[in-house]
Amino acid sequence: MTSMNKQAIVLKSDRAGRVQTPVGRLIAVVREYESSGLSGPRFAALTGINYQTFVTWRSKVSVKRSPFTRSLTGSVLC
């Protein structure tokens, strides 16, 4: 994990306190994981993301890459 961004990003949350993560950020985090060589639980812990949320993100990104599914748009609640 050599290129973690140090930019501050303000994320919106809904009334239940769930953070709305922009799709672009979600994809960037999954790509960073893929190039990190870390295990999923370790990467999630280091980035401060709940592991189950991270697994869901990975699943959504792999679905987006499939040529037979429509692409994700907007924000994802996690």
Protein backbone atom coordinates (compact mmCIF):
# COMPACT_ATOMS: atom_id res chain seq x y z
CA MET A 1 0.00 0.00 0.00
CA THR A 2 2.22 2.75 -1.25
CA SER A 3 -0.04 5.42 -2.73
CA MET A 4 -2.73 6.12 -0.13
CA ASN A 5 -4.20 9.55 -0.80
CA LYS A 6 -3.98 12.03 2.05
CA GLN A 7 -6.77 14.26 0.71
CA ALA A 8 -9.57 15.24 3.09
CA ILE A 9 -12.96 14.37 1.63
CA VAL A 10 -16.22 15.47 3.21
CA LEU A 11 -18.74 12.65 2.93
CA LYS A 12 -22.47 13.11 3.40
CA SER A 13 -24.50 10.86 5.67
CA ASP A 14 -28.19 10.04 5.86
CA ARG A 15 -30.45 10.34 8.91
CA ALA A 16 -29.49 6.85 10.09
CA GLY A 17 -25.81 7.89 10.11
CA ARG A 18 -24.80 5.82 7.10
CA VAL A 19 -22.09 7.45 5.01
CA GLN A 20 -22.87 8.04 1.33
CA THR A 21 -19.71 7.13 -0.54
CA PRO A 22 -19.37 8.41 -4.12
CA VAL A 23 -19.00 5.57 -6.63
CA GLY A 24 -15.69 6.97 -7.88
CA ARG A 25 -14.26 6.80 -4.36
CA LEU A 26 -15.60 3.28 -3.88
CA ILE A 27 -13.90 2.11 -7.09
CA ALA A 28 -10.65 3.88 -6.16
CA VAL A 29 -10.55 2.13 -2.76
CA VAL A 30 -11.12 -1.29 -4.34
CA ARG A 31 -8.40 -0.66 -6.93
CA GLU A 32 -6.02 0.44 -4.18
CA TYR A 33 -6.78 -2.81 -2.35
CA GLU A 34 -6.12 -4.89 -5.48
CA SER A 35 -2.68 -3.33 -5.89
CA SER A 36 -1.82 -3.43 -2.17
CA GLY A 37 -1.21 -7.16 -1.76
CA LEU A 38 -2.91 -7.08 1.66
CA SER A 39 -5.68 -9.36 2.80
CA GLY A 40 -9.20 -7.93 2.69
CA PRO A 41 -9.65 -7.72 6.48
CA ARG A 42 -6.22 -6.11 6.93
CA PHE A 43 -6.81 -3.53 4.19
CA ALA A 44 -10.27 -2.68 5.58
CA ALA A 45 -8.84 -2.22 9.07
CA LEU A 46 -6.03 0.02 7.82
CA THR A 47 -8.41 2.21 5.83
CA GLY A 48 -11.03 2.42 8.59
CA ILE A 49 -13.75 0.70 6.58
CA ASN A 50 -16.00 -1.92 8.14
CA TYR A 51 -14.94 -5.24 6.61
CA GLN A 52 -18.49 -6.23 5.57
CA THR A 53 -18.91 -2.85 3.87
CA PHE A 54 -15.63 -3.40 2.06
CA VAL A 55 -16.75 -6.86 0.87
CA THR A 56 -19.95 -5.30 -0.49
CA TRP A 57 -17.92 -2.64 -2.33
CA ARG A 58 -15.69 -5.32 -3.88
CA SER A 59 -18.77 -7.21 -5.02
CA LYS A 60 -20.32 -4.09 -6.57
CA VAL A 61 -17.10 -3.17 -8.37
CA SER A 62 -16.77 -6.69 -9.81
CA VAL A 63 -20.40 -6.50 -11.01
CA LYS A 64 -19.69 -3.14 -12.60
CA ARG A 65 -16.73 -4.60 -14.50
CA SER A 66 -18.92 -7.33 -15.97
CA PRO A 67 -19.89 -6.45 -19.58
CA PHE A 68 -23.37 -7.94 -19.12
CA THR A 69 -24.51 -5.72 -16.27
CA ARG A 70 -25.42 -2.07 -16.25
CA SER A 71 -23.02 0.32 -14.57
CA LEU A 72 -23.44 1.83 -11.14
CA THR A 73 -24.35 5.50 -10.91
CA GLY A 74 -24.83 7.98 -8.10
CA SER A 75 -23.91 7.22 -4.49
CA VAL A 76 -23.89 3.98 -2.58
CA LEU A 77 -25.11 3.80 1.01
CA CYS A 78 -22.79 1.83 3.24
